[in-house]
Amino acid sequence: MAEEPLKYVTVQIYDQTYHLSGQDAAHIGRLAEQVDAKMRAVAAQGRTVDSLRVAVLAALNLADELSQASQVAPAGAANARLSHARAVSLRGLLDEVLEEELKTGS
């Protein structure tokens, strides 16, 4: 089975523009929307305006949700692969956000 070519998508996360690539641009867009929503929820509840701190707290919240979901889901190789793929995807997006934060100093 041939691997799909990388597709590029521009997303907005917490008022920042990111140019991301992956095999499923629509999926990347949905993930970006989830990250944006989580960051906004964290910022609304907290006292920090530092976007790097907001990103880290949002990542911790998402990691907790993923951990809880993997405990509830029935054990199975397919679910484990799906959970791992989602974690890798979220980690990659977080890495890109944090890298951009370091570059811009925001």
Protein backbone atom coordinates (compact mmCIF):
# COMPACT_ATOMS: atom_id res chain seq x y z
CA MET A 1 0.00 0.00 0.00
CA ALA A 2 1.54 3.28 -1.11
CA GLU A 3 1.82 6.04 1.43
CA GLU A 4 -0.19 9.19 0.70
CA PRO A 5 1.79 12.31 -0.22
CA LEU A 6 2.14 15.04 2.38
CA LYS A 7 -0.45 17.77 2.20
CA TYR A 8 0.04 21.26 3.55
CA VAL A 9 -2.50 23.16 5.58
CA THR A 10 -2.47 26.57 7.22
CA VAL A 11 -4.14 26.69 10.62
CA GLN A 12 -4.74 29.24 13.33
CA ILE A 13 -3.97 28.23 16.90
CA TYR A 14 -4.37 30.80 19.65
CA ASP A 15 -4.18 33.69 17.17
CA GLN A 16 -1.00 32.40 15.55
CA THR A 17 -0.71 31.05 12.01
CA TYR A 18 1.05 27.73 11.46
CA HIS A 19 1.87 25.98 8.20
CA LEU A 20 1.71 22.26 8.89
CA SER A 21 2.07 19.16 6.77
CA GLY A 22 0.76 15.63 6.99
CA GLN A 23 -1.08 12.97 5.07
CA ASP A 24 -4.57 14.16 6.07
CA ALA A 25 -4.98 17.94 5.94
CA ALA A 26 -8.56 17.77 7.23
CA HIS A 27 -7.44 15.77 10.25
CA ILE A 28 -4.66 18.27 10.96
CA GLY A 29 -7.23 21.06 10.76
CA ARG A 30 -9.48 19.29 13.26
CA LEU A 31 -6.56 18.73 15.62
CA ALA A 32 -5.59 22.40 15.36
CA GLU A 33 -9.17 23.38 16.24
CA GLN A 34 -9.03 21.13 19.30
CA VAL A 35 -5.70 22.57 20.42
CA ASP A 36 -6.97 26.12 19.87
CA ALA A 37 -10.13 25.41 21.88
CA LYS A 38 -8.15 23.81 24.70
CA MET A 39 -5.68 26.72 24.84
CA ARG A 40 -8.54 29.22 24.96
CA ALA A 41 -10.26 27.25 27.73
CA VAL A 42 -7.03 27.13 29.75
CA ALA A 43 -6.42 30.86 29.23
CA ALA A 44 -9.98 31.69 30.27
CA GLN A 45 -9.57 29.79 33.54
CA GLY A 46 -6.06 30.91 34.40
CA ARG A 47 -4.24 34.05 35.26
CA THR A 48 -1.39 33.69 32.80
CA VAL A 49 -1.25 35.51 29.49
CA ASP A 50 2.02 33.83 28.52
CA SER A 51 1.09 31.78 25.47
CA LEU A 52 3.90 29.28 26.09
CA ARG A 53 2.52 28.51 29.55
CA VAL A 54 -0.99 28.29 28.11
CA ALA A 55 0.29 25.82 25.48
CA VAL A 56 1.98 23.63 28.07
CA LEU A 57 -1.10 23.60 30.31
CA ALA A 58 -3.31 22.80 27.31
CA ALA A 59 -0.94 19.97 26.36
CA LEU A 60 -1.17 18.56 29.88
CA ASN A 61 -4.96 18.70 29.71
CA LEU A 62 -4.99 16.95 26.33
CA ALA A 63 -2.53 14.32 27.58
CA ASP A 64 -4.77 13.70 30.59
CA GLU A 65 -7.82 13.31 28.34
CA LEU A 66 -5.91 10.88 26.12
CA SER A 67 -4.75 8.91 29.13
CA GLN A 68 -8.27 8.67 30.53
CA ALA A 69 -9.68 7.67 27.13
CA SER A 70 -7.12 4.90 26.74
CA GLN A 71 -8.05 3.50 30.16
CA VAL A 72 -11.76 3.46 29.31
CA ALA A 73 -11.41 2.06 25.79
CA PRO A 74 -11.45 -1.71 25.44
CA ALA A 75 -7.99 -3.21 25.30
CA GLY A 76 -6.95 -4.10 21.80
CA ALA A 77 -4.17 -3.62 19.33
CA ALA A 78 -6.25 -1.37 17.04
CA ASN A 79 -7.19 0.97 19.88
CA ALA A 80 -3.60 1.06 21.12
CA ARG A 81 -2.34 1.99 17.64
CA LEU A 82 -5.01 4.68 17.28
CA SER A 83 -4.21 6.16 20.70
CA HIS A 84 -0.51 6.12 19.90
CA ALA A 85 -1.07 7.78 16.52
CA ARG A 86 -3.17 10.50 18.15
CA ALA A 87 -0.56 11.08 20.83
CA VAL A 88 2.20 11.34 18.23
CA SER A 89 0.10 13.77 16.18
CA LEU A 90 -0.66 15.96 19.21
CA ARG A 91 2.98 15.86 20.28
CA GLY A 92 4.06 16.96 16.81
CA LEU A 93 1.62 19.85 16.79
CA LEU A 94 2.70 20.91 20.28
CA ASP A 95 6.35 20.73 19.22
CA GLU A 96 5.59 23.03 16.28
CA VAL A 97 3.72 25.49 18.50
CA LEU A 98 6.50 25.57 21.08
CA GLU A 99 9.18 25.89 18.40
CA GLU A 100 7.35 28.86 16.89
CA GLU A 101 7.02 30.41 20.37
CA LEU A 102 10.76 30.10 20.88
CA LYS A 103 11.48 31.66 17.48
CA THR A 104 9.15 34.61 17.96
CA GLY A 105 9.77 35.06 21.67
CA SER A 106 6.01 35.44 22.23
